N, C-alpha and C. Protein backbone atom coordinates (compact mmCIF):
# COMPACT_ATOMS: atom_id res chain seq x y z
N MET A 1 0.85 -1.20 0.00
CA MET A 1 0.00 0.00 0.00
C MET A 1 0.88 1.24 0.00
N ARG A 2 0.54 2.20 -0.84
CA ARG A 2 1.26 3.47 -0.86
C ARG A 2 0.42 4.51 -0.12
N ILE A 3 0.97 5.06 0.94
CA ILE A 3 0.26 6.01 1.79
C ILE A 3 0.87 7.39 1.61
N GLY A 4 0.09 8.34 1.16
CA GLY A 4 0.52 9.72 1.03
C GLY A 4 0.13 10.52 2.25
N ILE A 5 0.98 11.45 2.63
CA ILE A 5 0.78 12.22 3.86
C ILE A 5 1.10 13.68 3.60
N ASP A 6 0.24 14.55 4.07
CA ASP A 6 0.48 15.99 4.02
C ASP A 6 1.57 16.35 5.04
N PHE A 7 2.10 17.57 4.94
CA PHE A 7 3.19 17.98 5.84
C PHE A 7 2.72 18.94 6.94
N ASP A 8 2.37 20.17 6.56
CA ASP A 8 2.00 21.18 7.55
C ASP A 8 0.71 20.81 8.27
N ASN A 9 0.76 20.83 9.59
CA ASN A 9 -0.40 20.56 10.45
C ASN A 9 -0.90 19.12 10.35
N THR A 10 -0.07 18.26 9.76
CA THR A 10 -0.39 16.83 9.70
C THR A 10 0.79 16.05 10.28
N ILE A 11 1.98 16.38 9.82
CA ILE A 11 3.21 15.87 10.43
C ILE A 11 3.80 16.93 11.36
N ALA A 12 3.98 18.13 10.81
CA ALA A 12 4.57 19.24 11.57
C ALA A 12 3.50 19.91 12.43
N CYS A 13 3.74 19.94 13.72
CA CYS A 13 2.80 20.51 14.69
C CYS A 13 3.27 21.90 15.10
N TYR A 14 2.42 22.89 14.85
CA TYR A 14 2.77 24.28 15.12
C TYR A 14 2.11 24.82 16.39
N ASP A 15 1.62 23.95 17.24
CA ASP A 15 0.94 24.40 18.46
C ASP A 15 1.85 25.32 19.27
N GLY A 16 1.39 26.54 19.48
CA GLY A 16 2.12 27.51 20.29
C GLY A 16 3.29 28.18 19.59
N VAL A 17 3.64 27.72 18.40
CA VAL A 17 4.85 28.22 17.73
C VAL A 17 4.66 29.67 17.26
N PHE A 18 3.52 29.97 16.67
CA PHE A 18 3.31 31.33 16.17
C PHE A 18 3.27 32.33 17.31
N HIS A 19 2.73 31.93 18.45
CA HIS A 19 2.73 32.81 19.62
C HIS A 19 4.16 33.06 20.09
N ARG A 20 4.96 32.01 20.21
CA ARG A 20 6.34 32.19 20.68
C ARG A 20 7.14 33.05 19.72
N ALA A 21 6.94 32.83 18.43
CA ALA A 21 7.66 33.63 17.44
C ALA A 21 7.21 35.08 17.47
N ALA A 22 5.92 35.31 17.66
CA ALA A 22 5.39 36.68 17.71
C ALA A 22 5.88 37.41 18.95
N VAL A 23 5.96 36.72 20.07
CA VAL A 23 6.50 37.32 21.30
C VAL A 23 7.98 37.63 21.10
N GLU A 24 8.69 36.71 20.49
CA GLU A 24 10.12 36.89 20.21
C GLU A 24 10.35 38.15 19.38
N ARG A 25 9.45 38.43 18.45
CA ARG A 25 9.57 39.60 17.57
C ARG A 25 8.85 40.82 18.12
N GLU A 26 8.35 40.70 19.37
CA GLU A 26 7.67 41.79 20.09
C GLU A 26 6.46 42.31 19.32
N LEU A 27 5.69 41.36 18.75
CA LEU A 27 4.49 41.72 18.00
C LEU A 27 3.22 41.59 18.83
N VAL A 28 3.25 40.72 19.83
CA VAL A 28 2.06 40.47 20.66
C VAL A 28 2.48 40.41 22.12
N PRO A 29 1.55 40.69 23.03
CA PRO A 29 1.87 40.54 24.46
C PRO A 29 1.98 39.06 24.82
N GLU A 30 2.85 38.75 25.74
CA GLU A 30 3.08 37.35 26.11
C GLU A 30 1.82 36.70 26.68
N ALA A 31 0.94 37.52 27.30
CA ALA A 31 -0.27 36.99 27.92
C ALA A 31 -1.36 36.63 26.91
N LEU A 32 -1.16 36.97 25.64
CA LEU A 32 -2.14 36.64 24.61
C LEU A 32 -2.28 35.12 24.47
N GLY A 33 -3.46 34.68 24.11
CA GLY A 33 -3.67 33.25 23.87
C GLY A 33 -2.67 32.70 22.87
N THR A 34 -2.33 31.44 23.01
CA THR A 34 -1.20 30.90 22.26
C THR A 34 -1.56 30.24 20.93
N ASP A 35 -2.84 30.09 20.61
CA ASP A 35 -3.16 29.43 19.35
C ASP A 35 -2.96 30.38 18.17
N LYS A 36 -2.75 29.78 17.02
CA LYS A 36 -2.40 30.52 15.81
C LYS A 36 -3.46 31.56 15.45
N ASN A 37 -4.73 31.18 15.52
CA ASN A 37 -5.79 32.10 15.11
C ASN A 37 -5.88 33.32 16.03
N THR A 38 -5.59 33.12 17.31
CA THR A 38 -5.61 34.25 18.25
C THR A 38 -4.52 35.26 17.88
N VAL A 39 -3.34 34.76 17.55
CA VAL A 39 -2.23 35.63 17.14
C VAL A 39 -2.61 36.37 15.85
N ARG A 40 -3.11 35.63 14.88
CA ARG A 40 -3.51 36.24 13.60
C ARG A 40 -4.57 37.31 13.81
N ASN A 41 -5.61 36.99 14.58
CA ASN A 41 -6.71 37.94 14.77
C ASN A 41 -6.26 39.19 15.53
N TYR A 42 -5.36 39.01 16.49
CA TYR A 42 -4.84 40.16 17.24
C TYR A 42 -4.10 41.12 16.31
N LEU A 43 -3.23 40.57 15.47
CA LEU A 43 -2.45 41.42 14.57
C LEU A 43 -3.35 42.10 13.54
N ARG A 44 -4.36 41.42 13.09
CA ARG A 44 -5.31 42.04 12.16
C ARG A 44 -6.07 43.18 12.84
N GLU A 45 -6.48 42.97 14.07
CA GLU A 45 -7.27 43.97 14.80
C GLU A 45 -6.48 45.24 15.08
N ILE A 46 -5.15 45.12 15.21
CA ILE A 46 -4.34 46.32 15.48
C ILE A 46 -3.70 46.87 14.20
N GLY A 47 -4.22 46.40 13.05
CA GLY A 47 -3.76 46.94 11.77
C GLY A 47 -2.40 46.46 11.32
N LYS A 48 -2.01 45.25 11.77
CA LYS A 48 -0.68 44.73 11.40
C LYS A 48 -0.80 43.39 10.66
N GLU A 49 -1.71 43.34 9.71
CA GLU A 49 -1.87 42.08 8.97
C GLU A 49 -0.62 41.75 8.17
N ASP A 50 0.09 42.77 7.69
CA ASP A 50 1.34 42.49 6.97
C ASP A 50 2.36 41.80 7.88
N GLU A 51 2.34 42.18 9.16
CA GLU A 51 3.26 41.53 10.10
C GLU A 51 2.89 40.06 10.30
N TRP A 52 1.58 39.77 10.23
CA TRP A 52 1.14 38.38 10.32
C TRP A 52 1.67 37.58 9.12
N THR A 53 1.59 38.16 7.94
CA THR A 53 2.08 37.49 6.73
C THR A 53 3.59 37.25 6.84
N LYS A 54 4.31 38.25 7.32
CA LYS A 54 5.76 38.10 7.48
C LYS A 54 6.09 37.06 8.56
N LEU A 55 5.26 37.02 9.60
CA LEU A 55 5.49 36.07 10.69
C LEU A 55 5.38 34.63 10.19
N GLN A 56 4.43 34.39 9.30
CA GLN A 56 4.30 33.04 8.75
C GLN A 56 5.56 32.64 7.98
N GLY A 57 6.08 33.56 7.16
CA GLY A 57 7.31 33.28 6.44
C GLY A 57 8.48 33.03 7.38
N TYR A 58 8.51 33.79 8.47
CA TYR A 58 9.58 33.64 9.46
C TYR A 58 9.54 32.25 10.11
N VAL A 59 8.33 31.82 10.50
CA VAL A 59 8.20 30.51 11.14
C VAL A 59 8.54 29.40 10.16
N TYR A 60 7.90 29.43 8.98
CA TYR A 60 8.08 28.35 8.01
C TYR A 60 9.49 28.34 7.39
N GLY A 61 10.14 29.49 7.41
CA GLY A 61 11.44 29.57 6.77
C GLY A 61 12.63 29.56 7.70
N ALA A 62 12.49 30.20 8.88
CA ALA A 62 13.65 30.37 9.75
C ALA A 62 13.53 29.70 11.12
N ARG A 63 12.30 29.37 11.55
CA ARG A 63 12.14 28.87 12.91
C ARG A 63 11.47 27.50 12.96
N MET A 64 11.78 26.66 11.98
CA MET A 64 11.26 25.30 12.05
C MET A 64 11.86 24.53 13.23
N ASP A 65 12.91 25.11 13.83
CA ASP A 65 13.48 24.49 15.03
C ASP A 65 12.51 24.52 16.21
N MET A 66 11.49 25.39 16.15
CA MET A 66 10.50 25.46 17.22
C MET A 66 9.34 24.49 17.01
N VAL A 67 9.31 23.84 15.86
CA VAL A 67 8.18 23.00 15.46
C VAL A 67 8.42 21.56 15.92
N ALA A 68 7.35 20.88 16.30
CA ALA A 68 7.43 19.49 16.76
C ALA A 68 6.78 18.56 15.73
N VAL A 69 7.05 17.28 15.87
CA VAL A 69 6.34 16.24 15.11
C VAL A 69 5.16 15.78 15.95
N TYR A 70 4.00 15.64 15.34
CA TYR A 70 2.83 15.21 16.09
C TYR A 70 3.09 13.89 16.80
N GLU A 71 2.62 13.82 18.03
CA GLU A 71 2.75 12.61 18.83
C GLU A 71 2.13 11.43 18.07
N GLY A 72 2.82 10.33 18.06
CA GLY A 72 2.33 9.12 17.43
C GLY A 72 2.74 8.95 15.99
N PHE A 73 3.28 10.01 15.37
CA PHE A 73 3.62 9.88 13.95
C PHE A 73 4.80 8.95 13.74
N ARG A 74 5.80 9.05 14.61
CA ARG A 74 6.96 8.16 14.44
C ARG A 74 6.55 6.69 14.54
N ASN A 75 5.68 6.39 15.48
CA ASN A 75 5.21 5.01 15.61
C ASN A 75 4.43 4.59 14.37
N PHE A 76 3.65 5.52 13.80
CA PHE A 76 2.93 5.22 12.56
C PHE A 76 3.92 4.85 11.46
N VAL A 77 4.97 5.65 11.32
CA VAL A 77 5.98 5.38 10.28
C VAL A 77 6.61 4.01 10.50
N GLU A 78 7.01 3.73 11.73
CA GLU A 78 7.66 2.45 12.02
C GLU A 78 6.72 1.27 11.77
N THR A 79 5.46 1.43 12.17
CA THR A 79 4.48 0.35 11.99
C THR A 79 4.21 0.11 10.51
N ALA A 80 4.06 1.20 9.76
CA ALA A 80 3.80 1.09 8.33
C ALA A 80 4.96 0.44 7.60
N ARG A 81 6.16 0.85 7.94
CA ARG A 81 7.33 0.32 7.24
C ARG A 81 7.59 -1.16 7.59
N ARG A 82 7.29 -1.54 8.82
CA ARG A 82 7.44 -2.96 9.19
C ARG A 82 6.50 -3.84 8.36
N ALA A 83 5.37 -3.26 7.97
CA ALA A 83 4.40 -3.99 7.15
C ALA A 83 4.65 -3.78 5.65
N ASP A 84 5.78 -3.17 5.32
CA ASP A 84 6.20 -2.96 3.93
C ASP A 84 5.30 -2.02 3.14
N HIS A 85 4.61 -1.11 3.83
CA HIS A 85 3.88 -0.06 3.14
C HIS A 85 4.85 1.05 2.76
N GLU A 86 4.59 1.71 1.65
CA GLU A 86 5.43 2.82 1.21
C GLU A 86 4.81 4.14 1.67
N LEU A 87 5.62 5.02 2.19
CA LEU A 87 5.16 6.33 2.66
C LEU A 87 5.77 7.44 1.81
N VAL A 88 4.93 8.37 1.36
CA VAL A 88 5.39 9.54 0.64
C VAL A 88 4.72 10.78 1.24
N ILE A 89 5.44 11.88 1.21
CA ILE A 89 4.88 13.15 1.67
C ILE A 89 4.60 14.01 0.45
N VAL A 90 3.38 14.55 0.39
CA VAL A 90 3.00 15.46 -0.68
C VAL A 90 2.35 16.68 -0.04
N SER A 91 2.96 17.84 -0.25
CA SER A 91 2.48 19.07 0.37
C SER A 91 2.38 20.16 -0.67
N HIS A 92 1.52 21.14 -0.42
CA HIS A 92 1.58 22.30 -1.30
C HIS A 92 2.01 23.51 -0.47
N LYS A 93 3.06 24.15 -0.98
CA LYS A 93 3.75 25.20 -0.22
C LYS A 93 4.46 26.10 -1.22
N THR A 94 4.34 27.41 -1.05
CA THR A 94 5.07 28.31 -1.93
C THR A 94 6.57 28.14 -1.71
N LYS A 95 7.34 28.48 -2.71
CA LYS A 95 8.80 28.34 -2.61
C LYS A 95 9.38 29.36 -1.64
N THR A 96 8.84 30.58 -1.66
CA THR A 96 9.29 31.66 -0.78
C THR A 96 8.06 32.35 -0.18
N PRO A 97 8.21 33.07 0.93
CA PRO A 97 7.08 33.76 1.54
C PRO A 97 6.52 34.86 0.63
N PHE A 98 5.26 35.21 0.88
CA PHE A 98 4.62 36.29 0.12
C PHE A 98 5.22 37.65 0.45
N MET A 99 5.68 37.81 1.69
CA MET A 99 6.29 39.06 2.13
C MET A 99 7.48 38.76 3.02
N GLY A 100 8.37 39.74 3.15
CA GLY A 100 9.51 39.58 4.03
C GLY A 100 10.68 38.89 3.35
N PRO A 101 11.66 38.45 4.13
CA PRO A 101 12.84 37.79 3.56
C PRO A 101 12.48 36.58 2.71
N SER A 102 13.29 36.31 1.69
CA SER A 102 13.00 35.23 0.74
C SER A 102 13.55 33.90 1.23
N TYR A 103 13.04 33.43 2.35
CA TYR A 103 13.43 32.11 2.84
C TYR A 103 13.02 31.05 1.82
N ASP A 104 13.81 30.00 1.71
CA ASP A 104 13.45 28.85 0.88
C ASP A 104 12.61 27.92 1.74
N LEU A 105 11.29 27.99 1.59
CA LEU A 105 10.39 27.24 2.45
C LEU A 105 10.45 25.73 2.18
N HIS A 106 10.72 25.36 0.94
CA HIS A 106 10.85 23.94 0.62
C HIS A 106 12.10 23.36 1.30
N ALA A 107 13.19 24.08 1.21
CA ALA A 107 14.44 23.61 1.84
C ALA A 107 14.29 23.54 3.36
N ALA A 108 13.59 24.50 3.95
CA ALA A 108 13.39 24.51 5.40
C ALA A 108 12.59 23.29 5.85
N ALA A 109 11.56 22.95 5.07
CA ALA A 109 10.74 21.78 5.41
C ALA A 109 11.54 20.49 5.23
N GLN A 110 12.33 20.42 4.15
CA GLN A 110 13.18 19.25 3.94
C GLN A 110 14.18 19.09 5.09
N SER A 111 14.76 20.19 5.52
CA SER A 111 15.73 20.14 6.62
C SER A 111 15.06 19.68 7.91
N PHE A 112 13.84 20.14 8.14
CA PHE A 112 13.09 19.70 9.32
C PHE A 112 12.91 18.19 9.31
N LEU A 113 12.49 17.65 8.17
CA LEU A 113 12.27 16.21 8.07
C LEU A 113 13.58 15.43 8.26
N ALA A 114 14.66 15.96 7.70
CA ALA A 114 15.96 15.31 7.88
C ALA A 114 16.42 15.39 9.33
N ASP A 115 16.27 16.56 9.94
CA ASP A 115 16.68 16.73 11.34
C ASP A 115 15.88 15.83 12.28
N GLN A 116 14.62 15.58 11.90
CA GLN A 116 13.76 14.73 12.72
C GLN A 116 13.92 13.24 12.35
N THR A 117 14.84 12.95 11.45
CA THR A 117 15.12 11.59 10.97
C THR A 117 13.84 10.86 10.55
N LEU A 118 13.09 11.53 9.68
CA LEU A 118 11.84 10.95 9.19
C LEU A 118 11.94 10.51 7.73
N ILE A 119 13.00 10.91 7.04
CA ILE A 119 13.14 10.53 5.64
C ILE A 119 14.41 9.71 5.45
N GLY A 120 14.33 8.76 4.54
CA GLY A 120 15.48 7.92 4.25
C GLY A 120 15.07 6.46 4.14
N PRO A 121 16.02 5.57 3.95
CA PRO A 121 15.73 4.14 3.81
C PRO A 121 14.94 3.61 5.01
N GLY A 122 13.86 2.92 4.73
CA GLY A 122 13.04 2.36 5.80
C GLY A 122 12.15 3.36 6.49
N LEU A 123 12.11 4.60 5.98
CA LEU A 123 11.27 5.64 6.58
C LEU A 123 10.36 6.19 5.48
N VAL A 124 10.20 7.49 5.41
CA VAL A 124 9.46 8.11 4.32
C VAL A 124 10.36 8.10 3.09
N SER A 125 9.86 7.56 1.97
CA SER A 125 10.73 7.33 0.82
C SER A 125 10.93 8.57 -0.05
N ASN A 126 9.89 9.38 -0.23
CA ASN A 126 10.00 10.55 -1.11
C ASN A 126 9.18 11.70 -0.56
N VAL A 127 9.62 12.92 -0.87
CA VAL A 127 8.93 14.13 -0.42
C VAL A 127 8.73 15.04 -1.63
N TYR A 128 7.51 15.52 -1.78
CA TYR A 128 7.17 16.40 -2.90
C TYR A 128 6.51 17.66 -2.37
N PHE A 129 7.04 18.82 -2.75
CA PHE A 129 6.42 20.09 -2.42
C PHE A 129 5.93 20.71 -3.72
N GLU A 130 4.62 20.88 -3.81
CA GLU A 130 4.00 21.46 -5.00
C GLU A 130 3.56 22.89 -4.70
N LEU A 131 3.50 23.71 -5.73
CA LEU A 131 3.23 25.14 -5.52
C LEU A 131 1.75 25.45 -5.34
N THR A 132 0.87 24.60 -5.84
CA THR A 132 -0.57 24.85 -5.74
C THR A 132 -1.30 23.60 -5.29
N LEU A 133 -2.53 23.79 -4.84
CA LEU A 133 -3.36 22.66 -4.43
C LEU A 133 -3.64 21.73 -5.60
N ASP A 134 -3.91 22.30 -6.77
CA ASP A 134 -4.17 21.48 -7.96
C ASP A 134 -2.96 20.61 -8.31
N GLU A 135 -1.76 21.19 -8.19
CA GLU A 135 -0.54 20.43 -8.48
C GLU A 135 -0.32 19.34 -7.44
N LYS A 136 -0.71 19.62 -6.21
CA LYS A 136 -0.62 18.60 -5.16
C LYS A 136 -1.53 17.42 -5.49
N VAL A 137 -2.76 17.72 -5.90
CA VAL A 137 -3.70 16.66 -6.27
C VAL A 137 -3.16 15.84 -7.44
N SER A 138 -2.62 16.53 -8.44
CA SER A 138 -2.05 15.83 -9.60
C SER A 138 -0.92 14.89 -9.18
N ARG A 139 -0.10 15.34 -8.24
CA ARG A 139 1.02 14.52 -7.78
C ARG A 139 0.50 13.28 -7.04
N ILE A 140 -0.51 13.46 -6.21
CA ILE A 140 -1.09 12.32 -5.49
C ILE A 140 -1.61 11.28 -6.49
N ASN A 141 -2.29 11.76 -7.52
CA ASN A 141 -2.82 10.85 -8.54
C ASN A 141 -1.69 10.17 -9.31
N GLN A 142 -0.67 10.95 -9.66
CA GLN A 142 0.47 10.42 -10.41
C GLN A 142 1.17 9.32 -9.63
N LEU A 143 1.28 9.51 -8.32
CA LEU A 143 1.94 8.52 -7.47
C LEU A 143 1.06 7.30 -7.21
N GLU A 144 -0.20 7.41 -7.59
CA GLU A 144 -1.18 6.33 -7.38
C GLU A 144 -1.25 5.95 -5.90
N CYS A 145 -1.39 6.97 -5.06
CA CYS A 145 -1.53 6.71 -3.63
C CYS A 145 -2.82 5.94 -3.37
N ASP A 146 -2.73 4.93 -2.53
CA ASP A 146 -3.92 4.19 -2.13
C ASP A 146 -4.69 4.93 -1.04
N VAL A 147 -3.95 5.65 -0.22
CA VAL A 147 -4.51 6.39 0.91
C VAL A 147 -3.83 7.75 0.95
N PHE A 148 -4.60 8.79 1.37
CA PHE A 148 -3.95 10.07 1.62
C PHE A 148 -4.48 10.63 2.93
N VAL A 149 -3.53 11.13 3.75
CA VAL A 149 -3.86 11.71 5.06
C VAL A 149 -3.59 13.21 5.00
N ASP A 150 -4.60 14.01 5.33
CA ASP A 150 -4.47 15.47 5.25
C ASP A 150 -5.31 16.10 6.34
N ASP A 151 -4.98 17.33 6.70
CA ASP A 151 -5.79 18.05 7.69
C ASP A 151 -6.84 18.94 7.05
N LEU A 152 -6.88 18.99 5.71
CA LEU A 152 -7.81 19.87 5.02
C LEU A 152 -8.87 19.09 4.25
N PRO A 153 -10.14 19.22 4.63
CA PRO A 153 -11.20 18.54 3.89
C PRO A 153 -11.24 18.94 2.42
N GLU A 154 -10.87 20.20 2.11
CA GLU A 154 -10.94 20.64 0.71
C GLU A 154 -9.98 19.87 -0.18
N LEU A 155 -8.87 19.40 0.38
CA LEU A 155 -7.97 18.54 -0.42
C LEU A 155 -8.60 17.18 -0.63
N LEU A 156 -9.12 16.60 0.44
CA LEU A 156 -9.69 15.26 0.36
C LEU A 156 -10.94 15.23 -0.51
N GLY A 157 -11.64 16.36 -0.63
CA GLY A 157 -12.83 16.43 -1.45
C GLY A 157 -12.60 17.07 -2.80
N HIS A 158 -11.36 17.33 -3.15
CA HIS A 158 -11.03 18.00 -4.42
C HIS A 158 -11.58 17.19 -5.59
N LYS A 159 -12.22 17.89 -6.52
CA LYS A 159 -12.87 17.20 -7.65
C LYS A 159 -11.87 16.44 -8.52
N GLY A 160 -10.60 16.85 -8.49
CA GLY A 160 -9.60 16.19 -9.31
C GLY A 160 -8.95 14.99 -8.66
N LEU A 161 -9.19 14.78 -7.37
CA LEU A 161 -8.55 13.67 -6.67
C LEU A 161 -9.17 12.35 -7.10
N SER A 162 -8.33 11.40 -7.45
CA SER A 162 -8.81 10.11 -7.93
C SER A 162 -9.76 9.48 -6.91
N PRO A 163 -10.88 8.93 -7.39
CA PRO A 163 -11.83 8.27 -6.48
C PRO A 163 -11.24 7.02 -5.84
N LYS A 164 -10.12 6.55 -6.36
CA LYS A 164 -9.47 5.36 -5.79
C LYS A 164 -8.74 5.66 -4.49
N VAL A 165 -8.47 6.95 -4.24
CA VAL A 165 -7.74 7.33 -3.03
C VAL A 165 -8.66 7.28 -1.82
N VAL A 166 -8.28 6.52 -0.81
CA VAL A 166 -9.03 6.47 0.45
C VAL A 166 -8.62 7.68 1.29
N ALA A 167 -9.62 8.47 1.70
CA ALA A 167 -9.35 9.75 2.37
C ALA A 167 -9.34 9.62 3.89
N TYR A 168 -8.25 10.08 4.48
CA TYR A 168 -8.13 10.13 5.93
C TYR A 168 -7.93 11.59 6.35
N LEU A 169 -8.81 12.08 7.22
CA LEU A 169 -8.72 13.45 7.72
C LEU A 169 -8.08 13.44 9.10
N PHE A 170 -6.97 14.15 9.24
CA PHE A 170 -6.30 14.31 10.53
C PHE A 170 -6.87 15.55 11.19
N ASP A 171 -7.58 15.37 12.30
CA ASP A 171 -8.35 16.47 12.90
C ASP A 171 -8.15 16.49 14.42
N PRO A 172 -6.94 16.78 14.89
CA PRO A 172 -6.66 16.70 16.32
C PRO A 172 -7.43 17.70 17.17
N ASP A 173 -7.82 18.83 16.59
CA ASP A 173 -8.56 19.85 17.34
C ASP A 173 -10.06 19.77 17.11
N GLU A 174 -10.50 18.74 16.41
CA GLU A 174 -11.92 18.48 16.16
C GLU A 174 -12.63 19.66 15.48
N HIS A 175 -11.93 20.29 14.55
CA HIS A 175 -12.54 21.38 13.79
C HIS A 175 -13.69 20.89 12.92
N PHE A 176 -13.60 19.63 12.51
CA PHE A 176 -14.58 19.11 11.55
C PHE A 176 -15.36 17.93 12.13
N LYS A 177 -15.54 17.97 13.43
CA LYS A 177 -16.22 16.88 14.13
C LYS A 177 -17.65 16.69 13.63
N ASP A 178 -18.33 17.80 13.34
CA ASP A 178 -19.75 17.73 13.00
C ASP A 178 -20.05 17.79 11.52
N ASN A 179 -19.08 18.19 10.70
CA ASN A 179 -19.39 18.35 9.28
C ASN A 179 -18.14 18.17 8.41
N ILE A 180 -18.07 17.04 7.74
CA ILE A 180 -16.98 16.82 6.78
C ILE A 180 -17.56 16.24 5.48
N ASP A 181 -18.65 16.82 5.03
CA ASP A 181 -19.29 16.36 3.80
C ASP A 181 -18.51 16.92 2.61
N VAL A 182 -17.67 16.10 2.01
CA VAL A 182 -16.85 16.55 0.88
C VAL A 182 -17.14 15.75 -0.39
N GLY A 183 -18.23 15.00 -0.36
CA GLY A 183 -18.62 14.28 -1.57
C GLY A 183 -18.01 12.90 -1.71
N ARG A 184 -17.31 12.45 -0.68
CA ARG A 184 -16.75 11.09 -0.67
C ARG A 184 -16.60 10.66 0.79
N PRO A 185 -16.52 9.36 1.04
CA PRO A 185 -16.30 8.91 2.42
C PRO A 185 -14.95 9.41 2.96
N VAL A 186 -14.95 9.85 4.21
CA VAL A 186 -13.73 10.33 4.84
C VAL A 186 -13.61 9.68 6.22
N HIS A 187 -12.43 9.14 6.49
CA HIS A 187 -12.14 8.60 7.82
C HIS A 187 -11.53 9.72 8.65
N ARG A 188 -12.27 10.22 9.64
CA ARG A 188 -11.76 11.33 10.46
C ARG A 188 -11.19 10.77 11.76
N HIS A 189 -9.95 11.19 12.08
CA HIS A 189 -9.31 10.75 13.32
C HIS A 189 -8.60 11.93 13.98
N GLY A 190 -8.51 11.86 15.31
CA GLY A 190 -7.94 12.97 16.06
C GLY A 190 -6.49 12.78 16.45
N SER A 191 -5.91 11.63 16.11
CA SER A 191 -4.52 11.40 16.49
C SER A 191 -3.90 10.39 15.53
N TRP A 192 -2.56 10.37 15.52
CA TRP A 192 -1.86 9.38 14.71
C TRP A 192 -2.01 7.99 15.30
N GLY A 193 -2.23 7.91 16.60
CA GLY A 193 -2.50 6.62 17.20
C GLY A 193 -3.79 6.01 16.64
N GLU A 194 -4.82 6.84 16.50
CA GLU A 194 -6.08 6.37 15.94
C GLU A 194 -5.90 5.95 14.48
N ILE A 195 -5.14 6.75 13.72
CA ILE A 195 -4.91 6.40 12.31
C ILE A 195 -4.15 5.09 12.20
N THR A 196 -3.16 4.90 13.06
CA THR A 196 -2.41 3.65 13.06
C THR A 196 -3.33 2.46 13.30
N GLN A 197 -4.20 2.59 14.29
CA GLN A 197 -5.12 1.50 14.60
C GLN A 197 -6.10 1.25 13.45
N SER A 198 -6.60 2.31 12.87
CA SER A 198 -7.59 2.20 11.80
C SER A 198 -7.00 1.64 10.51
N LEU A 199 -5.81 2.09 10.17
CA LEU A 199 -5.25 1.80 8.85
C LEU A 199 -4.28 0.62 8.84
N LEU A 200 -3.57 0.41 9.94
CA LEU A 200 -2.45 -0.52 9.90
C LEU A 200 -2.61 -1.75 10.78
N VAL A 201 -3.50 -1.71 11.74
CA VAL A 201 -3.61 -2.81 12.71
C VAL A 201 -4.79 -3.72 12.36
């Protein structure tokens, strides 16, 4: 079985990272809530939406050292590989940020995966960063993934995604607990442990 996996917010966990980076850059008060949307909304409300855009580039390009791997993902990789399943990462990500310094976002993500020892023989076999959602879907189809795991229902319900792909929604914060009608069956799980049990055991 070939299992495709998204990168941002599926493997890479940004919980609290945008808050720490914003405090580091003296953009928000330390007492502000730590979730990403709270930071974004605060900067928008004080007329600093451009700073929010730059902050994203800073995190994705320069501060991947603050990012963690979701709990249970390493065990998923080990379990899948022991059963001889192939793992590939397919993400859509711009090459450089929309504003601010021209960090190489693809290289930063690749370095993160290498630093976390998630890619290589017996691990994740290939990594693809596509510039658009449509190109990501095309890559998934080209690779003939049997399963794809993503945190975005719009990817899993994309009209171009092959109907042969079994859709797994990674939803640790239960954003889509009540509504994930995307026109195809979707397996929604809140952790990599649940996905491991559902898909591999």
